[in-house]
Amino acid sequence: KNILFYSDEEWNTKVEVLLENEDVWLNTEALLSLFNINRSKIVRHINNIYKDKELNEDSTCAKIAYVCNDGIQVYGIKYYNLDIIPLIDEDEF
């Protein structure tokens, strides 16, 4: 998997981008950085997008497993396809 990290000129803001099969995926933390809002708001908006069936969750959300530094614990992080970005309504923040 190809994971890229972007930051501003002063190295303050990191955005993690996953490139897979010519698609671009962002995790929740990257979306928080882009929209500059708190986690509960972005998660609520994403859940509403799926609840209202504006997008299909199976094709626009992927849970990717990561192994912690100890090499034992595995956890999953949700990544969202860029299709979700235009549907996030900034006016509601």
Protein backbone atom coordinates (compact mmCIF):
# COMPACT_ATOMS: atom_id res chain seq x y z
CA LYS A 1 0.00 0.00 0.00
CA ASN A 2 1.21 3.51 -0.77
CA ILE A 3 0.73 6.00 2.02
CA LEU A 4 1.73 9.62 1.52
CA PHE A 5 1.98 12.33 4.15
CA TYR A 6 1.51 16.01 3.37
CA SER A 7 2.20 18.98 5.61
CA ASP A 8 2.25 22.76 5.33
CA GLU A 9 5.38 24.89 4.87
CA GLU A 10 6.02 24.89 8.62
CA TRP A 11 5.38 21.14 8.96
CA ASN A 12 2.37 21.79 11.19
CA THR A 13 -0.42 19.97 9.43
CA LYS A 14 -0.12 16.37 8.33
CA VAL A 15 -2.57 14.76 5.99
CA GLU A 16 -2.25 11.04 5.40
CA VAL A 17 -3.38 9.84 1.98
CA LEU A 18 -3.64 6.20 0.96
CA LEU A 19 -3.27 5.38 -2.73
CA GLU A 20 -4.74 2.05 -3.74
CA ASN A 21 -5.88 0.82 -7.16
CA GLU A 22 -5.77 4.36 -8.58
CA ASP A 23 -8.10 5.57 -5.82
CA VAL A 24 -7.30 8.12 -3.13
CA TRP A 25 -8.43 7.41 0.43
CA LEU A 26 -8.34 9.63 3.53
CA ASN A 27 -8.75 8.59 7.14
CA THR A 28 -10.84 10.52 9.65
CA GLU A 29 -7.83 12.44 10.94
CA ALA A 30 -7.05 13.70 7.43
CA LEU A 31 -10.66 14.84 6.98
CA LEU A 32 -10.45 16.66 10.32
CA SER A 33 -7.40 18.54 9.08
CA LEU A 34 -9.03 19.43 5.78
CA PHE A 35 -12.23 20.76 7.32
CA ASN A 36 -10.72 22.00 10.60
CA ILE A 37 -13.52 20.60 12.76
CA ASN A 38 -13.78 18.15 15.63
CA ARG A 39 -14.09 14.40 15.27
CA SER A 40 -17.72 14.09 16.41
CA LYS A 41 -18.93 16.50 13.71
CA ILE A 42 -17.14 14.80 10.84
CA VAL A 43 -18.24 11.34 12.00
CA ARG A 44 -21.84 12.55 12.30
CA HIS A 45 -21.74 13.95 8.74
CA ILE A 46 -20.27 10.76 7.34
CA ASN A 47 -22.84 8.62 9.17
CA ASN A 48 -25.64 10.81 7.78
CA ILE A 49 -24.27 10.43 4.24
CA TYR A 50 -24.48 6.66 4.58
CA LYS A 51 -27.82 6.74 6.42
CA ASP A 52 -29.37 8.88 3.68
CA LYS A 53 -27.86 6.53 1.07
CA GLU A 54 -26.06 9.35 -0.71
CA LEU A 55 -23.14 6.95 -1.06
CA ASN A 56 -22.69 3.21 -0.66
CA GLU A 57 -20.57 2.58 2.43
CA ASP A 58 -19.14 -0.67 1.06
CA SER A 59 -17.58 1.09 -1.93
CA THR A 60 -16.49 4.34 -0.24
CA CYS A 61 -15.28 3.17 3.18
CA ALA A 62 -12.53 0.65 3.90
CA LYS A 63 -11.31 -0.52 7.30
CA ILE A 64 -7.59 -1.19 7.03
CA ALA A 65 -5.79 -3.23 9.67
CA TYR A 66 -2.58 -1.95 11.24
CA VAL A 67 -0.21 -3.67 13.64
CA CYS A 68 1.00 -1.61 16.60
CA ASN A 69 4.66 -1.14 17.44
CA ASP A 70 4.57 -4.12 19.78
CA GLY A 71 3.80 -6.34 16.79
CA ILE A 72 0.92 -8.00 18.62
CA GLN A 73 -2.07 -5.68 18.72
CA VAL A 74 -3.97 -5.15 15.47
CA TYR A 75 -6.42 -2.31 15.03
CA GLY A 76 -8.43 -0.97 12.14
CA ILE A 77 -8.62 2.55 10.79
CA LYS A 78 -11.44 3.64 8.50
CA TYR A 79 -10.46 5.28 5.24
CA TYR A 80 -12.90 7.13 2.99
CA ASN A 81 -12.78 7.45 -0.77
CA LEU A 82 -12.61 11.01 -2.08
CA ASP A 83 -16.20 10.64 -3.31
CA ILE A 84 -17.30 11.53 0.21
CA ILE A 85 -15.66 14.97 0.31
CA PRO A 86 -18.14 16.91 -1.90
CA LEU A 87 -21.01 15.55 0.22
CA ILE A 88 -19.67 16.89 3.51
CA ASP A 89 -21.60 20.10 4.05
CA GLU A 90 -19.26 22.71 5.53
CA ASP A 91 -22.19 25.06 6.12
CA GLU A 92 -23.42 22.78 8.88
CA PHE A 93 -20.20 23.01 10.90
